[in-house]
Amino acid sequence: MFNKYCDEIEKLNNFTKEDILNKKFELFNDTTMKIYYAPHNEVINENAKIFIVGIAPGWTQTAIAYKTAHEGLVKKLGYEEIQKECKKNLRFAGSM
């Protein structure tokens, strides 16, 4: 999914809720819930020994993921490298 949103992420100048939680990044919307894309879970560690279940990312992690993706796109890093940086930078970031 990262490829689908790269152009919009690269155009971002600010990382406020208004800049990210909008139609450009909306995945699902009904009367009870909205779901937005976050560049945080594109890389899967097939050798992981622990699986943590929870509702993530929260706003803090989402903002970090967008900032990290934006910086990588501006620097013209490869998509895989950007995705790994997003996952690394936001895991357990902020309050839980």
PDB file of N, CA and C in Angstrom:
ATOM      1  N   MET A   1       0.818  -1.204   0.000  1.00  0.00           N
ATOM      2  CA  MET A   1       0.000   0.000   0.000  1.00  0.00           C
ATOM      3  C   MET A   1       0.858   1.264   0.000  1.00  0.00           C
ATOM      4  N   PHE A   2       2.094   1.158   0.468  1.00  0.00           N
ATOM      5  CA  PHE A   2       2.961   2.329   0.550  1.00  0.00           C
ATOM      6  C   PHE A   2       3.057   3.046  -0.795  1.00  0.00           C
ATOM      7  N   ASN A   3       3.207   2.275  -1.872  1.00  0.00           N
ATOM      8  CA  ASN A   3       3.320   2.867  -3.209  1.00  0.00           C
ATOM      9  C   ASN A   3       2.136   3.773  -3.542  1.00  0.00           C
ATOM     10  N   LYS A   4       0.973   3.381  -3.109  1.00  0.00           N
ATOM     11  CA  LYS A   4      -0.252   4.125  -3.415  1.00  0.00           C
ATOM     12  C   LYS A   4      -0.256   5.524  -2.782  1.00  0.00           C
ATOM     13  N   TYR A   5       0.396   5.683  -1.637  1.00  0.00           N
ATOM     14  CA  TYR A   5       0.326   6.933  -0.884  1.00  0.00           C
ATOM     15  C   TYR A   5       1.613   7.774  -0.927  1.00  0.00           C
ATOM     16  N   CYS A   6       2.646   7.282  -1.583  1.00  0.00           N
ATOM     17  CA  CYS A   6       3.948   7.973  -1.600  1.00  0.00           C
ATOM     18  C   CYS A   6       3.858   9.414  -2.095  1.00  0.00           C
ATOM     19  N   ASP A   7       3.167   9.638  -3.180  1.00  0.00           N
ATOM     20  CA  ASP A   7       3.098  11.001  -3.731  1.00  0.00           C
ATOM     21  C   ASP A   7       2.475  11.970  -2.737  1.00  0.00           C
ATOM     22  N   GLU A   8       1.394  11.555  -2.089  1.00  0.00           N
ATOM     23  CA  GLU A   8       0.732  12.424  -1.118  1.00  0.00           C
ATOM     24  C   GLU A   8       1.594  12.642   0.128  1.00  0.00           C
ATOM     25  N   ILE A   9       2.288  11.603   0.565  1.00  0.00           N
ATOM     26  CA  ILE A   9       3.165  11.732   1.736  1.00  0.00           C
ATOM     27  C   ILE A   9       4.308  12.692   1.424  1.00  0.00           C
ATOM     28  N   GLU A  10       4.868  12.562   0.247  1.00  0.00           N
ATOM     29  CA  GLU A  10       5.993  13.437  -0.124  1.00  0.00           C
ATOM     30  C   GLU A  10       5.569  14.898  -0.202  1.00  0.00           C
ATOM     31  N   LYS A  11       4.324  15.175  -0.547  1.00  0.00           N
ATOM     32  CA  LYS A  11       3.817  16.547  -0.653  1.00  0.00           C
ATOM     33  C   LYS A  11       3.558  17.204   0.703  1.00  0.00           C
ATOM     34  N   LEU A  12       3.478  16.418   1.763  1.00  0.00           N
ATOM     35  CA  LEU A  12       3.150  16.973   3.077  1.00  0.00           C
ATOM     36  C   LEU A  12       4.201  17.980   3.542  1.00  0.00           C
ATOM     37  N   ASN A  13       3.728  19.090   4.088  1.00  0.00           N
ATOM     38  CA  ASN A  13       4.608  20.081   4.702  1.00  0.00           C
ATOM     39  C   ASN A  13       4.466  20.078   6.212  1.00  0.00           C
ATOM     40  N   ASN A  14       3.296  19.660   6.671  1.00  0.00           N
ATOM     41  CA  ASN A  14       2.993  19.590   8.102  1.00  0.00           C
ATOM     42  C   ASN A  14       2.472  18.194   8.400  1.00  0.00           C
ATOM     43  N   PHE A  15       2.501  17.843   9.651  1.00  0.00           N
ATOM     44  CA  PHE A  15       2.087  16.499  10.048  1.00  0.00           C
ATOM     45  C   PHE A  15       1.052  16.576  11.163  1.00  0.00           C
ATOM     46  N   THR A  16       0.085  17.468  10.980  1.00  0.00           N
ATOM     47  CA  THR A  16      -1.002  17.622  11.940  1.00  0.00           C
ATOM     48  C   THR A  16      -2.093  16.610  11.615  1.00  0.00           C
ATOM     49  N   LYS A  17      -3.020  16.465  12.530  1.00  0.00           N
ATOM     50  CA  LYS A  17      -4.146  15.566  12.281  1.00  0.00           C
ATOM     51  C   LYS A  17      -4.923  15.996  11.037  1.00  0.00           C
ATOM     52  N   GLU A  18      -5.059  17.292  10.844  1.00  0.00           N
ATOM     53  CA  GLU A  18      -5.794  17.790   9.680  1.00  0.00           C
ATOM     54  C   GLU A  18      -5.081  17.434   8.374  1.00  0.00           C
ATOM     55  N   ASP A  19      -3.760  17.377   8.402  1.00  0.00           N
ATOM     56  CA  ASP A  19      -2.994  17.048   7.205  1.00  0.00           C
ATOM     57  C   ASP A  19      -3.012  15.558   6.879  1.00  0.00           C
ATOM     58  N   ILE A  20      -3.217  14.729   7.892  1.00  0.00           N
ATOM     59  CA  ILE A  20      -3.115  13.284   7.705  1.00  0.00           C
ATOM     60  C   ILE A  20      -4.466  12.568   7.799  1.00  0.00           C
ATOM     61  N   LEU A  21      -5.296  12.965   8.742  1.00  0.00           N
ATOM     62  CA  LEU A  21      -6.591  12.292   8.919  1.00  0.00           C
ATOM     63  C   LEU A  21      -7.640  12.951   8.033  1.00  0.00           C
ATOM     64  N   ASN A  22      -7.523  12.683   6.734  1.00  0.00           N
ATOM     65  CA  ASN A  22      -8.446  13.265   5.755  1.00  0.00           C
ATOM     66  C   ASN A  22      -8.692  12.274   4.623  1.00  0.00           C
ATOM     67  N   LYS A  23      -9.472  12.660   3.652  1.00  0.00           N
ATOM     68  CA  LYS A  23      -9.879  11.769   2.554  1.00  0.00           C
ATOM     69  C   LYS A  23      -8.698  11.191   1.777  1.00  0.00           C
ATOM     70  N   LYS A  24      -7.592  11.939   1.681  1.00  0.00           N
ATOM     71  CA  LYS A  24      -6.440  11.457   0.911  1.00  0.00           C
ATOM     72  C   LYS A  24      -5.909  10.136   1.452  1.00  0.00           C
ATOM     73  N   PHE A  25      -5.986   9.961   2.756  1.00  0.00           N
ATOM     74  CA  PHE A  25      -5.416   8.775   3.388  1.00  0.00           C
ATOM     75  C   PHE A  25      -6.477   7.858   4.005  1.00  0.00           C
ATOM     76  N   GLU A  26      -7.726   8.119   3.727  1.00  0.00           N
ATOM     77  CA  GLU A  26      -8.816   7.332   4.315  1.00  0.00           C
ATOM     78  C   GLU A  26      -8.935   5.974   3.628  1.00  0.00           C
ATOM     79  N   LEU A  27      -8.965   4.918   4.438  1.00  0.00           N
ATOM     80  CA  LEU A  27      -9.135   3.563   3.934  1.00  0.00           C
ATOM     81  C   LEU A  27     -10.571   3.067   4.074  1.00  0.00           C
ATOM     82  N   PHE A  28     -11.228   3.490   5.153  1.00  0.00           N
ATOM     83  CA  PHE A  28     -12.574   2.997   5.452  1.00  0.00           C
ATOM     84  C   PHE A  28     -13.326   4.061   6.224  1.00  0.00           C
ATOM     85  N   ASN A  29     -14.637   4.134   5.962  1.00  0.00           N
ATOM     86  CA  ASN A  29     -15.460   5.112   6.659  1.00  0.00           C
ATOM     87  C   ASN A  29     -16.895   4.611   6.688  1.00  0.00           C
ATOM     88  N   ASP A  30     -17.442   4.468   7.870  1.00  0.00           N
ATOM     89  CA  ASP A  30     -18.879   4.241   8.005  1.00  0.00           C
ATOM     90  C   ASP A  30     -19.369   5.107   9.155  1.00  0.00           C
ATOM     91  N   THR A  31     -20.559   4.909   9.595  1.00  0.00           N
ATOM     92  CA  THR A  31     -21.134   5.791  10.613  1.00  0.00           C
ATOM     93  C   THR A  31     -20.483   5.653  11.989  1.00  0.00           C
ATOM     94  N   THR A  32     -19.745   4.559  12.210  1.00  0.00           N
ATOM     95  CA  THR A  32     -19.176   4.332  13.532  1.00  0.00           C
ATOM     96  C   THR A  32     -17.656   4.392  13.597  1.00  0.00           C
ATOM     97  N   MET A  33     -16.999   4.357  12.431  1.00  0.00           N
ATOM     98  CA  MET A  33     -15.549   4.256  12.459  1.00  0.00           C
ATOM     99  C   MET A  33     -14.922   4.763  11.160  1.00  0.00           C
ATOM    100  N   LYS A  34     -13.733   5.344  11.300  1.00  0.00           N
ATOM    101  CA  LYS A  34     -12.917   5.722  10.149  1.00  0.00           C
ATOM    102  C   LYS A  34     -11.541   5.104  10.339  1.00  0.00           C
ATOM    103  N   ILE A  35     -10.976   4.620   9.257  1.00  0.00           N
ATOM    104  CA  ILE A  35      -9.639   4.033   9.296  1.00  0.00           C
ATOM    105  C   ILE A  35      -8.788   4.741   8.251  1.00  0.00           C
ATOM    106  N   TYR A  36      -7.577   5.150   8.671  1.00  0.00           N
ATOM    107  CA  TYR A  36      -6.671   5.867   7.789  1.00  0.00           C
ATOM    108  C   TYR A  36      -5.379   5.076   7.605  1.00  0.00           C
ATOM    109  N   TYR A  37      -4.779   5.238   6.440  1.00  0.00           N
ATOM    110  CA  TYR A  37      -3.500   4.594   6.157  1.00  0.00           C
ATOM    111  C   TYR A  37      -2.407   5.189   7.045  1.00  0.00           C
ATOM    112  N   ALA A  38      -1.511   4.351   7.509  1.00  0.00           N
ATOM    113  CA  ALA A  38      -0.313   4.805   8.224  1.00  0.00           C
ATOM    114  C   ALA A  38       0.856   3.947   7.736  1.00  0.00           C
ATOM    115  N   PRO A  39       1.943   4.583   7.346  1.00  0.00           N
ATOM    116  CA  PRO A  39       3.086   3.820   6.821  1.00  0.00           C
ATOM    117  C   PRO A  39       3.894   3.185   7.947  1.00  0.00           C
ATOM    118  N   HIS A  40       3.339   2.158   8.555  1.00  0.00           N
ATOM    119  CA  HIS A  40       4.001   1.596   9.727  1.00  0.00           C
ATOM    120  C   HIS A  40       4.172   0.092   9.718  1.00  0.00           C
ATOM    121  N   ASN A  41       3.433  -0.610   8.907  1.00  0.00           N
ATOM    122  CA  ASN A  41       3.446  -2.059   9.061  1.00  0.00           C
ATOM    123  C   ASN A  41       3.672  -2.777   7.736  1.00  0.00           C
ATOM    124  N   GLU A  42       4.487  -2.205   6.890  1.00  0.00           N
ATOM    125  CA  GLU A  42       4.724  -2.793   5.576  1.00  0.00           C
ATOM    126  C   GLU A  42       5.780  -3.903   5.635  1.00  0.00           C
ATOM    127  N   VAL A  43       6.611  -3.894   6.658  1.00  0.00           N
ATOM    128  CA  VAL A  43       7.692  -4.867   6.794  1.00  0.00           C
ATOM    129  C   VAL A  43       7.308  -5.882   7.858  1.00  0.00           C
ATOM    130  N   ILE A  44       7.445  -7.148   7.523  1.00  0.00           N
ATOM    131  CA  ILE A  44       7.107  -8.217   8.469  1.00  0.00           C
ATOM    132  C   ILE A  44       8.364  -9.021   8.769  1.00  0.00           C
ATOM    133  N   ASN A  45       8.648  -9.192  10.039  1.00  0.00           N
ATOM    134  CA  ASN A  45       9.792  -9.988  10.460  1.00  0.00           C
ATOM    135  C   ASN A  45       9.343 -11.439  10.574  1.00  0.00           C
ATOM    136  N   GLU A  46       9.715 -12.245   9.612  1.00  0.00           N
ATOM    137  CA  GLU A  46       9.289 -13.644   9.578  1.00  0.00           C
ATOM    138  C   GLU A  46       9.957 -14.478  10.676  1.00  0.00           C
ATOM    139  N   ASN A  47      11.005 -13.933  11.308  1.00  0.00           N
ATOM    140  CA  ASN A  47      11.713 -14.653  12.360  1.00  0.00           C
ATOM    141  C   ASN A  47      11.304 -14.208  13.759  1.00  0.00           C
ATOM    142  N   ALA A  48      10.290 -13.378  13.860  1.00  0.00           N
ATOM    143  CA  ALA A  48       9.856 -12.865  15.157  1.00  0.00           C
ATOM    144  C   ALA A  48       9.413 -14.017  16.066  1.00  0.00           C
ATOM    145  N   LYS A  49       9.747 -13.898  17.330  1.00  0.00           N
ATOM    146  CA  LYS A  49       9.378 -14.923  18.317  1.00  0.00           C
ATOM    147  C   LYS A  49       8.202 -14.483  19.186  1.00  0.00           C
ATOM    148  N   ILE A  50       7.926 -13.168  19.181  1.00  0.00           N
ATOM    149  CA  ILE A  50       6.853 -12.617  20.007  1.00  0.00           C
ATOM    150  C   ILE A  50       5.915 -11.822  19.105  1.00  0.00           C
ATOM    151  N   PHE A  51       4.643 -11.949  19.361  1.00  0.00           N
ATOM    152  CA  PHE A  51       3.628 -11.220  18.616  1.00  0.00           C
ATOM    153  C   PHE A  51       2.807 -10.419  19.619  1.00  0.00           C
ATOM    154  N   ILE A  52       2.839  -9.088  19.506  1.00  0.00           N
ATOM    155  CA  ILE A  52       2.108  -8.229  20.427  1.00  0.00           C
ATOM    156  C   ILE A  52       0.835  -7.757  19.733  1.00  0.00           C
ATOM    157  N   VAL A  53      -0.285  -7.956  20.382  1.00  0.00           N
ATOM    158  CA  VAL A  53      -1.571  -7.599  19.805  1.00  0.00           C
ATOM    159  C   VAL A  53      -2.091  -6.342  20.484  1.00  0.00           C
ATOM    160  N   GLY A  54      -2.568  -5.407  19.691  1.00  0.00           N
ATOM    161  CA  GLY A  54      -3.137  -4.185  20.236  1.00  0.00           C
ATOM    162  C   GLY A  54      -3.648  -3.302  19.116  1.00  0.00           C
ATOM    163  N   ILE A  55      -4.243  -2.215  19.483  1.00  0.00           N
ATOM    164  CA  ILE A  55      -4.724  -1.255  18.498  1.00  0.00           C
ATOM    165  C   ILE A  55      -3.603  -0.258  18.267  1.00  0.00           C
ATOM    166  N   ALA A  56      -3.075  -0.279  17.091  1.00  0.00           N
ATOM    167  CA  ALA A  56      -1.944   0.599  16.777  1.00  0.00           C
ATOM    168  C   ALA A  56      -1.988   0.933  15.288  1.00  0.00           C
ATOM    169  N   PRO A  57      -1.445   1.969  14.868  1.00  0.00           N
ATOM    170  CA  PRO A  57      -0.735   2.955  15.675  1.00  0.00           C
ATOM    171  C   PRO A  57      -1.693   3.988  16.241  1.00  0.00           C
ATOM    172  N   GLY A  58      -1.276   4.617  17.324  1.00  0.00           N
ATOM    173  CA  GLY A  58      -1.997   5.767  17.854  1.00  0.00           C
ATOM    174  C   GLY A  58      -1.543   7.003  17.104  1.00  0.00           C
ATOM    175  N   TRP A  59      -2.030   8.171  17.522  1.00  0.00           N
ATOM    176  CA  TRP A  59      -1.671   9.384  16.813  1.00  0.00           C
ATOM    177  C   TRP A  59      -0.165   9.652  16.847  1.00  0.00           C
ATOM    178  N   THR A  60       0.476   9.499  17.983  1.00  0.00           N
ATOM    179  CA  THR A  60       1.914   9.760  18.087  1.00  0.00           C
ATOM    180  C   THR A  60       2.693   8.891  17.110  1.00  0.00           C
ATOM    181  N   GLN A  61       2.388   7.607  17.069  1.00  0.00           N
ATOM    182  CA  GLN A  61       3.085   6.700  16.175  1.00  0.00           C
ATOM    183  C   GLN A  61       2.777   7.018  14.703  1.00  0.00           C
ATOM    184  N   THR A  62       1.547   7.396  14.416  1.00  0.00           N
ATOM    185  CA  THR A  62       1.166   7.753  13.050  1.00  0.00           C
ATOM    186  C   THR A  62       1.963   8.953  12.566  1.00  0.00           C
ATOM    187  N   ALA A  63       2.043   9.986  13.386  1.00  0.00           N
ATOM    188  CA  ALA A  63       2.786  11.193  12.999  1.00  0.00           C
ATOM    189  C   ALA A  63       4.265  10.866  12.762  1.00  0.00           C
ATOM    190  N   ILE A  64       4.844  10.047  13.628  1.00  0.00           N
ATOM    191  CA  ILE A  64       6.246   9.650  13.452  1.00  0.00           C
ATOM    192  C   ILE A  64       6.424   8.874  12.142  1.00  0.00           C
ATOM    193  N   ALA A  65       5.519   7.966  11.863  1.00  0.00           N
ATOM    194  CA  ALA A  65       5.615   7.177  10.633  1.00  0.00           C
ATOM    195  C   ALA A  65       5.526   8.072   9.398  1.00  0.00           C
ATOM    196  N   TYR A  66       4.609   9.027   9.400  1.00  0.00           N
ATOM    197  CA  TYR A  66       4.474   9.946   8.255  1.00  0.00           C
ATOM    198  C   TYR A  66       5.722  10.819   8.100  1.00  0.00           C
ATOM    199  N   LYS A  67       6.249  11.321   9.204  1.00  0.00           N
ATOM    200  CA  LYS A  67       7.470  12.148   9.135  1.00  0.00           C
ATOM    201  C   LYS A  67       8.638  11.328   8.599  1.00  0.00           C
ATOM    202  N   THR A  68       8.773  10.115   9.086  1.00  0.00           N
ATOM    203  CA  THR A  68       9.861   9.247   8.638  1.00  0.00           C
ATOM    204  C   THR A  68       9.718   8.921   7.152  1.00  0.00           C
ATOM    205  N   ALA A  69       8.521   8.588   6.726  1.00  0.00           N
ATOM    206  CA  ALA A  69       8.291   8.279   5.308  1.00  0.00           C
ATOM    207  C   ALA A  69       8.565   9.500   4.440  1.00  0.00           C
ATOM    208  N   HIS A  70       8.092  10.654   4.870  1.00  0.00           N
ATOM    209  CA  HIS A  70       8.314  11.897   4.129  1.00  0.00           C
ATOM    210  C   HIS A  70       9.807  12.169   3.969  1.00  0.00           C
ATOM    211  N   GLU A  71      10.550  12.074   5.054  1.00  0.00           N
ATOM    212  CA  GLU A  71      11.996  12.323   5.002  1.00  0.00           C
ATOM    213  C   GLU A  71      12.682  11.355   4.043  1.00  0.00           C
ATOM    214  N   GLY A  72      12.297  10.091   4.090  1.00  0.00           N
ATOM    215  CA  GLY A  72      12.877   9.095   3.188  1.00  0.00           C
ATOM    216  C   GLY A  72      12.559   9.368   1.728  1.00  0.00           C
ATOM    217  N   LEU A  73      11.325   9.786   1.464  1.00  0.00           N
ATOM    218  CA  LEU A  73      10.934  10.094   0.087  1.00  0.00           C
ATOM    219  C   LEU A  73      11.675  11.317  -0.436  1.00  0.00           C
ATOM    220  N   VAL A  74      11.826  12.336   0.397  1.00  0.00           N
ATOM    221  CA  VAL A  74      12.550  13.551   0.002  1.00  0.00           C
ATOM    222  C   VAL A  74      14.012  13.220  -0.289  1.00  0.00           C
ATOM    223  N   LYS A  75      14.579  12.312   0.503  1.00  0.00           N
ATOM    224  CA  LYS A  75      15.977  11.906   0.312  1.00  0.00           C
ATOM    225  C   LYS A  75      16.128  10.900  -0.830  1.00  0.00           C
ATOM    226  N   LYS A  76      14.994  10.479  -1.408  1.00  0.00           N
ATOM    227  CA  LYS A  76      14.979   9.516  -2.518  1.00  0.00           C
ATOM    228  C   LYS A  76      15.526   8.144  -2.105  1.00  0.00           C
ATOM    229  N   LEU A  77      15.232   7.738  -0.863  1.00  0.00           N
ATOM    230  CA  LEU A  77      15.606   6.405  -0.414  1.00  0.00           C
ATOM    231  C   LEU A  77      14.689   5.384  -1.073  1.00  0.00           C
ATOM    232  N   GLY A  78      15.102   4.157  -1.100  1.00  0.00           N
ATOM    233  CA  GLY A  78      14.261   3.094  -1.643  1.00  0.00           C
ATOM    234  C   GLY A  78      13.057   2.831  -0.762  1.00  0.00           C
ATOM    235  N   TYR A  79      11.989   2.347  -1.358  1.00  0.00           N
ATOM    236  CA  TYR A  79      10.754   2.104  -0.611  1.00  0.00           C
ATOM    237  C   TYR A  79      10.980   1.128   0.537  1.00  0.00           C
ATOM    238  N   GLU A  80      11.736   0.068   0.303  1.00  0.00           N
ATOM    239  CA  GLU A  80      11.957  -0.918   1.356  1.00  0.00           C
ATOM    240  C   GLU A  80      12.712  -0.300   2.532  1.00  0.00           C
ATOM    241  N   GLU A  81      13.709   0.518   2.236  1.00  0.00           N
ATOM    242  CA  GLU A  81      14.462   1.180   3.303  1.00  0.00           C
ATOM    243  C   GLU A  81      13.559   2.133   4.090  1.00  0.00           C
ATOM    244  N   ILE A  82      12.706   2.866   3.401  1.00  0.00           N
ATOM    245  CA  ILE A  82      11.771   3.782   4.069  1.00  0.00           C
ATOM    246  C   ILE A  82      10.830   3.005   4.979  1.00  0.00           C
ATOM    247  N   GLN A  83      10.303   1.912   4.485  1.00  0.00           N
ATOM    248  CA  GLN A  83       9.370   1.115   5.267  1.00  0.00           C
ATOM    249  C   GLN A  83      10.026   0.550   6.523  1.00  0.00           C
ATOM    250  N   LYS A  84      11.266   0.114   6.408  1.00  0.00           N
ATOM    251  CA  LYS A  84      11.989  -0.390   7.578  1.00  0.00           C
ATOM    252  C   LYS A  84      12.230   0.732   8.589  1.00  0.00           C
ATOM    253  N   GLU A  85      12.587   1.917   8.113  1.00  0.00           N
ATOM    254  CA  GLU A  85      12.800   3.053   9.005  1.00  0.00           C
ATOM    255  C   GLU A  85      11.512   3.448   9.719  1.00  0.00           C
ATOM    256  N   CYS A  86      10.394   3.426   9.002  1.00  0.00           N
ATOM    257  CA  CYS A  86       9.101   3.741   9.626  1.00  0.00           C
ATOM    258  C   CYS A  86       8.829   2.787  10.780  1.00  0.00           C
ATOM    259  N   LYS A  87       8.970   1.520  10.511  1.00  0.00           N
ATOM    260  CA  LYS A  87       8.690   0.512  11.548  1.00  0.00           C
ATOM    261  C   LYS A  87       9.638   0.689  12.733  1.00  0.00           C
ATOM    262  N   LYS A  88      10.921   0.907  12.465  1.00  0.00           N
ATOM    263  CA  LYS A  88      11.922   1.051  13.522  1.00  0.00           C
ATOM    264  C   LYS A  88      11.673   2.302  14.368  1.00  0.00           C
ATOM    265  N   ASN A  89      11.349   3.417  13.723  1.00  0.00           N
ATOM    266  CA  ASN A  89      11.210   4.686  14.442  1.00  0.00           C
ATOM    267  C   ASN A  89       9.946   4.795  15.280  1.00  0.00           C
ATOM    268  N   LEU A  90       8.896   4.104  14.929  1.00  0.00           N
ATOM    269  CA  LEU A  90       7.657   4.317  15.673  1.00  0.00           C
ATOM    270  C   LEU A  90       7.312   3.235  16.673  1.00  0.00           C
ATOM    271  N   ARG A  91       7.981   2.106  16.609  1.00  0.00           N
ATOM    272  CA  ARG A  91       7.617   1.051  17.563  1.00  0.00           C
ATOM    273  C   ARG A  91       7.911   1.502  18.997  1.00  0.00           C
ATOM    274  N   PHE A  92       6.923   1.384  19.801  1.00  0.00           N
ATOM    275  CA  PHE A  92       6.960   1.772  21.207  1.00  0.00           C
ATOM    276  C   PHE A  92       7.280   3.255  21.422  1.00  0.00           C
ATOM    277  N   ALA A  93       7.031   4.070  20.435  1.00  0.00           N
ATOM    278  CA  ALA A  93       7.245   5.517  20.562  1.00  0.00           C
ATOM    279  C   ALA A  93       6.040   6.164  21.246  1.00  0.00           C
ATOM    280  N   GLY A  94       6.276   7.174  22.037  1.00  0.00           N
ATOM    281  CA  GLY A  94       5.194   7.893  22.696  1.00  0.00           C
ATOM    282  C   GLY A  94       4.561   7.073  23.807  1.00  0.00           C
ATOM    283  N   SER A  95       3.459   7.599  24.314  1.00  0.00           N
ATOM    284  CA  SER A  95       2.766   6.901  25.404  1.00  0.00           C
ATOM    285  C   SER A  95       2.023   5.693  24.872  1.00  0.00           C
ATOM    286  N   MET A  96       1.944   4.685  25.661  1.00  0.00           N
ATOM    287  CA  MET A  96       1.275   3.440  25.274  1.00  0.00           C
ATOM    288  C   MET A  96       0.068   3.228  26.168  1.00  0.00           C
TER     289      MET A  96
END
